[in-house]
Amino acid sequence: MIRIREILDPDLKRQIVEKLAEQRGLSPAAVPEWYELDDADYVDLLNELKHPHSDLEDPNEYRA
């Protein structure tokens, strides 16, 4: 588990909060510092930030 307040990089924290708020239909200001993400949710958010439109791409594109 990771809490929002445990993310030390301010830019990454902002991006995570914004993406989480977008997914939950909230304002970023409504996401509290104590909010906990389990490891899988955190990785999903990081992957979404890394590849924002991956759900629109061809899944076979990444296969070797």
C-alpha atoms as a PDB file:
ATOM      1  CA  MET A   1       0.000   0.000   0.000  1.00  0.00           C
ATOM      2  CA  ILE A   2       1.084   3.553  -0.660  1.00  0.00           C
ATOM      3  CA  ARG A   3      -0.505   6.743   0.581  1.00  0.00           C
ATOM      4  CA  ILE A   4      -0.581   9.887  -1.511  1.00  0.00           C
ATOM      5  CA  ARG A   5       1.503  11.703   1.122  1.00  0.00           C
ATOM      6  CA  GLU A   6       4.272   9.098   0.713  1.00  0.00           C
ATOM      7  CA  ILE A   7       4.920  10.089  -2.911  1.00  0.00           C
ATOM      8  CA  LEU A   8       7.888  12.441  -2.537  1.00  0.00           C
ATOM      9  CA  ASP A   9       8.207  13.742  -6.099  1.00  0.00           C
ATOM     10  CA  PRO A  10       5.796  16.720  -6.271  1.00  0.00           C
ATOM     11  CA  ASP A  11       5.216  16.404 -10.026  1.00  0.00           C
ATOM     12  CA  LEU A  12       4.506  12.658  -9.809  1.00  0.00           C
ATOM     13  CA  LYS A  13       2.208  13.242  -6.819  1.00  0.00           C
ATOM     14  CA  ARG A  14       0.256  15.876  -8.774  1.00  0.00           C
ATOM     15  CA  GLN A  15      -0.051  13.584 -11.803  1.00  0.00           C
ATOM     16  CA  ILE A  16      -1.188  10.632  -9.665  1.00  0.00           C
ATOM     17  CA  VAL A  17      -3.764  12.761  -7.841  1.00  0.00           C
ATOM     18  CA  GLU A  18      -5.084  14.213 -11.101  1.00  0.00           C
ATOM     19  CA  LYS A  19      -5.364  10.796 -12.780  1.00  0.00           C
ATOM     20  CA  LEU A  20      -6.960   9.242  -9.689  1.00  0.00           C
ATOM     21  CA  ALA A  21      -9.444  12.109  -9.454  1.00  0.00           C
ATOM     22  CA  GLU A  22     -10.266  11.750 -13.160  1.00  0.00           C
ATOM     23  CA  GLN A  23     -10.912   8.016 -12.772  1.00  0.00           C
ATOM     24  CA  ARG A  24     -13.074   8.514  -9.678  1.00  0.00           C
ATOM     25  CA  GLY A  25     -14.996  11.504 -11.046  1.00  0.00           C
ATOM     26  CA  LEU A  26     -13.625  13.858  -8.386  1.00  0.00           C
ATOM     27  CA  SER A  27     -11.827  17.144  -8.223  1.00  0.00           C
ATOM     28  CA  PRO A  28      -8.102  16.694  -7.512  1.00  0.00           C
ATOM     29  CA  ALA A  29      -8.625  18.821  -4.396  1.00  0.00           C
ATOM     30  CA  ALA A  30     -11.045  16.162  -3.106  1.00  0.00           C
ATOM     31  CA  VAL A  31      -8.351  13.450  -3.017  1.00  0.00           C
ATOM     32  CA  PRO A  32      -6.949  13.475   0.544  1.00  0.00           C
ATOM     33  CA  GLU A  33      -3.252  13.091   1.364  1.00  0.00           C
ATOM     34  CA  TRP A  34      -4.054   9.989   3.439  1.00  0.00           C
ATOM     35  CA  TYR A  35      -5.709   8.197   0.491  1.00  0.00           C
ATOM     36  CA  GLU A  36      -4.248   4.693   0.120  1.00  0.00           C
ATOM     37  CA  LEU A  37      -3.602   2.910  -3.141  1.00  0.00           C
ATOM     38  CA  ASP A  38      -2.835  -0.771  -3.214  1.00  0.00           C
ATOM     39  CA  ASP A  39       0.200  -1.765  -5.242  1.00  0.00           C
ATOM     40  CA  ALA A  40      -1.809  -2.881  -8.274  1.00  0.00           C
ATOM     41  CA  ASP A  41      -3.803   0.376  -8.436  1.00  0.00           C
ATOM     42  CA  TYR A  42      -0.603   2.408  -8.101  1.00  0.00           C
ATOM     43  CA  VAL A  43       1.058   0.472 -10.933  1.00  0.00           C
ATOM     44  CA  ASP A  44      -2.051   0.891 -13.093  1.00  0.00           C
ATOM     45  CA  LEU A  45      -1.927   4.669 -12.529  1.00  0.00           C
ATOM     46  CA  LEU A  46       1.792   4.770 -13.361  1.00  0.00           C
ATOM     47  CA  ASN A  47       1.188   2.775 -16.543  1.00  0.00           C
ATOM     48  CA  GLU A  48      -1.669   5.079 -17.516  1.00  0.00           C
ATOM     49  CA  LEU A  49       0.601   8.090 -17.035  1.00  0.00           C
ATOM     50  CA  LYS A  50       3.319   6.434 -19.108  1.00  0.00           C
ATOM     51  CA  HIS A  51       0.967   5.325 -21.916  1.00  0.00           C
ATOM     52  CA  PRO A  52      -2.111   7.561 -21.675  1.00  0.00           C
ATOM     53  CA  HIS A  53      -3.854   6.180 -24.765  1.00  0.00           C
ATOM     54  CA  SER A  54      -2.814   2.549 -24.525  1.00  0.00           C
ATOM     55  CA  ASP A  55      -6.442   1.422 -24.378  1.00  0.00           C
ATOM     56  CA  LEU A  56      -6.909   2.846 -27.874  1.00  0.00           C
ATOM     57  CA  GLU A  57      -3.835   1.226 -29.399  1.00  0.00           C
ATOM     58  CA  ASP A  58      -3.556  -2.179 -30.996  1.00  0.00           C
ATOM     59  CA  PRO A  59      -2.645  -4.648 -28.193  1.00  0.00           C
ATOM     60  CA  ASN A  60      -0.617  -6.722 -30.670  1.00  0.00           C
ATOM     61  CA  GLU A  61       1.705  -3.770 -31.194  1.00  0.00           C
ATOM     62  CA  TYR A  62       3.634  -4.634 -28.007  1.00  0.00           C
ATOM     63  CA  ARG A  63       4.002  -8.336 -28.693  1.00  0.00           C
ATOM     64  CA  ALA A  64       7.347  -9.621 -29.874  1.00  0.00           C
END
